[in-house]
Protein backbone atom coordinates (compact mmCIF):
# COMPACT_ATOMS: atom_id res chain seq x y z
CA MET A 1 127.80 -80.74 -60.23
CA ALA A 2 126.50 -80.39 -63.74
CA PHE A 3 124.19 -82.95 -65.26
CA GLY A 4 125.07 -84.56 -68.52
CA ALA A 5 128.18 -86.23 -69.83
CA ASP A 6 131.17 -86.67 -67.53
CA PRO A 7 133.87 -84.11 -68.19
CA SER A 8 136.85 -85.41 -70.01
CA PRO A 9 140.07 -85.75 -68.01
CA GLY A 10 141.58 -82.35 -67.30
CA ASP A 11 138.28 -80.40 -67.73
CA GLU A 12 137.02 -80.60 -64.15
CA PHE A 13 137.72 -76.84 -63.68
CA ALA A 14 136.13 -75.73 -66.94
CA PRO A 15 133.32 -73.13 -66.54
CA LEU A 16 129.76 -74.40 -66.70
CA ALA A 17 127.37 -72.80 -69.17
CA GLU A 18 124.37 -73.13 -66.81
CA ILE A 19 122.57 -70.59 -64.64
CA ASN A 20 121.88 -71.37 -61.02
CA VAL A 21 118.38 -69.96 -60.41
CA THR A 22 118.11 -70.99 -56.75
CA PRO A 23 119.35 -67.61 -55.38
CA PHE A 24 116.97 -65.80 -57.75
CA ILE A 25 114.01 -67.85 -56.50
CA ASP A 26 115.04 -67.22 -52.88
CA VAL A 27 115.15 -63.46 -53.43
CA MET A 28 111.81 -63.47 -55.22
CA LEU A 29 110.13 -65.41 -52.39
CA VAL A 30 111.51 -63.02 -49.79
CA LEU A 31 110.22 -60.03 -51.80
CA LEU A 32 106.82 -61.70 -52.16
CA ILE A 33 106.59 -62.17 -48.39
CA ILE A 34 107.63 -58.56 -47.76
CA PHE A 35 104.93 -57.25 -50.14
CA MET A 36 102.31 -59.56 -48.65
CA VAL A 37 103.07 -58.29 -45.15
CA THR A 38 103.26 -54.58 -46.02
CA ALA A 39 100.27 -54.36 -48.42
CA PRO A 40 97.60 -54.35 -45.68
CA LEU A 41 99.51 -51.63 -43.84
CA LEU A 42 99.20 -49.23 -46.77
CA THR A 43 95.48 -48.61 -46.21
CA ALA A 44 95.01 -45.30 -44.45
CA GLY A 45 92.33 -44.04 -42.10
CA MET A 46 90.59 -45.38 -39.07
CA LYS A 47 88.51 -48.54 -39.14
CA VAL A 48 84.78 -47.88 -38.81
CA GLU A 49 81.76 -50.18 -38.94
CA LEU A 50 79.46 -48.76 -41.61
CA PRO A 51 75.67 -49.02 -41.27
CA GLN A 52 73.71 -50.87 -43.96
CA ALA A 53 71.45 -49.24 -46.58
CA ARG A 54 69.67 -51.12 -49.35
CA ALA A 55 68.64 -48.13 -51.51
CA SER A 56 71.89 -46.52 -52.52
CA GLN A 57 72.94 -44.77 -55.70
CA PRO A 58 76.58 -44.97 -56.84
CA LEU A 59 78.30 -41.64 -57.42
CA GLU A 60 80.59 -40.52 -60.26
CA PRO A 61 84.07 -42.07 -60.26
CA VAL A 62 85.77 -38.86 -59.04
CA GLN A 63 88.15 -39.02 -56.10
CA PRO A 64 86.09 -37.72 -53.14
CA VAL A 65 87.17 -35.99 -49.96
CA VAL A 66 86.43 -38.45 -47.16
CA VAL A 67 85.37 -37.16 -43.73
CA THR A 68 85.28 -39.93 -41.11
CA VAL A 69 83.37 -39.76 -37.82
CA GLY A 70 84.72 -42.38 -35.42
CA PRO A 71 82.75 -44.22 -32.78
CA ASP A 72 84.07 -41.81 -30.15
CA GLY A 73 83.21 -38.72 -32.25
CA ARG A 74 86.79 -38.18 -33.46
CA LEU A 75 87.02 -36.58 -36.92
CA GLN A 76 89.40 -37.30 -39.79
CA VAL A 77 89.72 -35.83 -43.27
CA GLY A 78 91.42 -38.51 -45.34
CA ASP A 79 93.94 -39.92 -42.90
CA ARG A 80 94.54 -36.65 -41.00
CA ASP A 81 92.93 -36.06 -37.59
CA VAL A 82 91.16 -32.71 -37.35
CA ALA A 83 89.35 -30.76 -34.65
CA ARG A 84 85.73 -29.76 -35.26
CA ASP A 85 86.59 -26.07 -35.60
CA GLY A 86 89.20 -26.78 -38.31
CA LEU A 87 87.07 -29.24 -40.28
CA VAL A 88 85.63 -26.83 -42.86
CA ALA A 89 89.01 -25.21 -43.59
CA LEU A 90 90.71 -28.58 -44.08
CA VAL A 91 87.88 -29.88 -46.30
CA ARG A 92 88.05 -26.71 -48.46
CA GLU A 93 91.83 -27.07 -48.70
CA THR A 94 91.54 -30.74 -49.67
CA LEU A 95 88.80 -30.05 -52.24
CA GLY A 96 90.97 -27.48 -53.99
CA SER A 97 89.53 -25.88 -57.09
CA GLY A 98 87.89 -29.09 -58.40
CA THR A 99 84.27 -28.26 -59.11
CA ASN A 100 83.04 -31.84 -59.59
CA ARG A 101 84.53 -33.32 -56.42
CA HIS A 102 82.25 -34.26 -53.59
CA ILE A 103 82.54 -35.01 -49.90
CA GLN A 104 81.85 -38.45 -48.45
CA VAL A 105 80.98 -38.68 -44.75
CA ARG A 106 81.77 -42.08 -43.23
CA GLY A 107 80.16 -42.46 -39.82
CA ASP A 108 80.75 -45.46 -37.61
CA ALA A 109 77.53 -47.40 -36.87
CA ARG A 110 78.31 -47.06 -33.15
CA ALA A 111 78.84 -43.28 -33.41
CA ASP A 112 76.25 -40.90 -32.03
CA PHE A 113 73.85 -40.04 -34.87
CA GLY A 114 73.82 -36.44 -33.68
CA ALA A 115 77.58 -36.21 -34.21
CA ILE A 116 77.23 -37.33 -37.83
CA VAL A 117 74.32 -34.95 -38.46
CA SER A 118 76.22 -32.07 -36.88
CA VAL A 119 79.14 -32.71 -39.29
CA LEU A 120 76.69 -32.71 -42.22
CA ASP A 121 75.10 -29.50 -40.92
CA LEU A 122 78.47 -27.83 -40.37
CA LEU A 123 79.62 -28.60 -43.91
CA ALA A 124 76.31 -27.62 -45.52
CA GLY A 125 76.18 -24.42 -43.45
CA HIS A 126 79.48 -23.31 -45.01
CA GLY A 127 78.28 -23.84 -48.59
CA LEU A 128 79.66 -27.35 -49.10
CA THR A 129 76.60 -29.06 -50.54
CA ARG A 130 77.96 -32.00 -52.54
CA ILE A 131 77.88 -34.37 -49.57
CA ALA A 132 77.23 -38.12 -49.54
CA LEU A 133 76.86 -40.60 -46.67
CA VAL A 134 78.81 -43.82 -47.00
CA THR A 135 76.95 -46.97 -45.98
CA ARG A 136 77.63 -50.66 -46.32
CA ARG A 137 75.45 -52.82 -48.57
CA PRO A 138 74.22 -56.08 -47.05
CA THR A 139 76.90 -57.88 -49.10
CA GLY A 140 79.59 -55.99 -47.20
CA ARG A 141 80.68 -53.60 -49.97
CA ALA A 142 80.77 -49.88 -49.07
CA ALA A 143 78.66 -47.61 -51.26
CA PRO A 144 78.20 -43.83 -51.00
CA VAL A 145 74.65 -42.53 -50.86
CA ALA A 146 73.81 -39.01 -52.02
CA ALA A 147 72.39 -36.88 -49.20
CA GLN A 148 69.41 -34.75 -50.16
């Protein structure tokens, strides 16, 4: 029923010049819930617990190639699992011809330190020298640290 003056006799079937926004609000709330549920699922890669480092230097804002060493020694480049023998080839393929891109190695704090060092050594041994270790600042924010 429309608010306002009562319709005159014979006008009860006249069209109303009002917009019913209730269905629009319902659709918008459903879309909001869908986006809220799916947004956390869009983050790729495995979850690792980064070690803390207080003295870290931020790197240039260029999209890096991220190599992740999991707590069980599993390797990923970006969100793709890779075997140790295919790591260098996949990193080179991902780097492409970009000369200013670098490699970030994210090692889980529970991972064997030797596994992380062997990944660094493998990459550096094949001429990939722009490598950084990713650590977590005490505030909880991840920050890459340039490896020397």
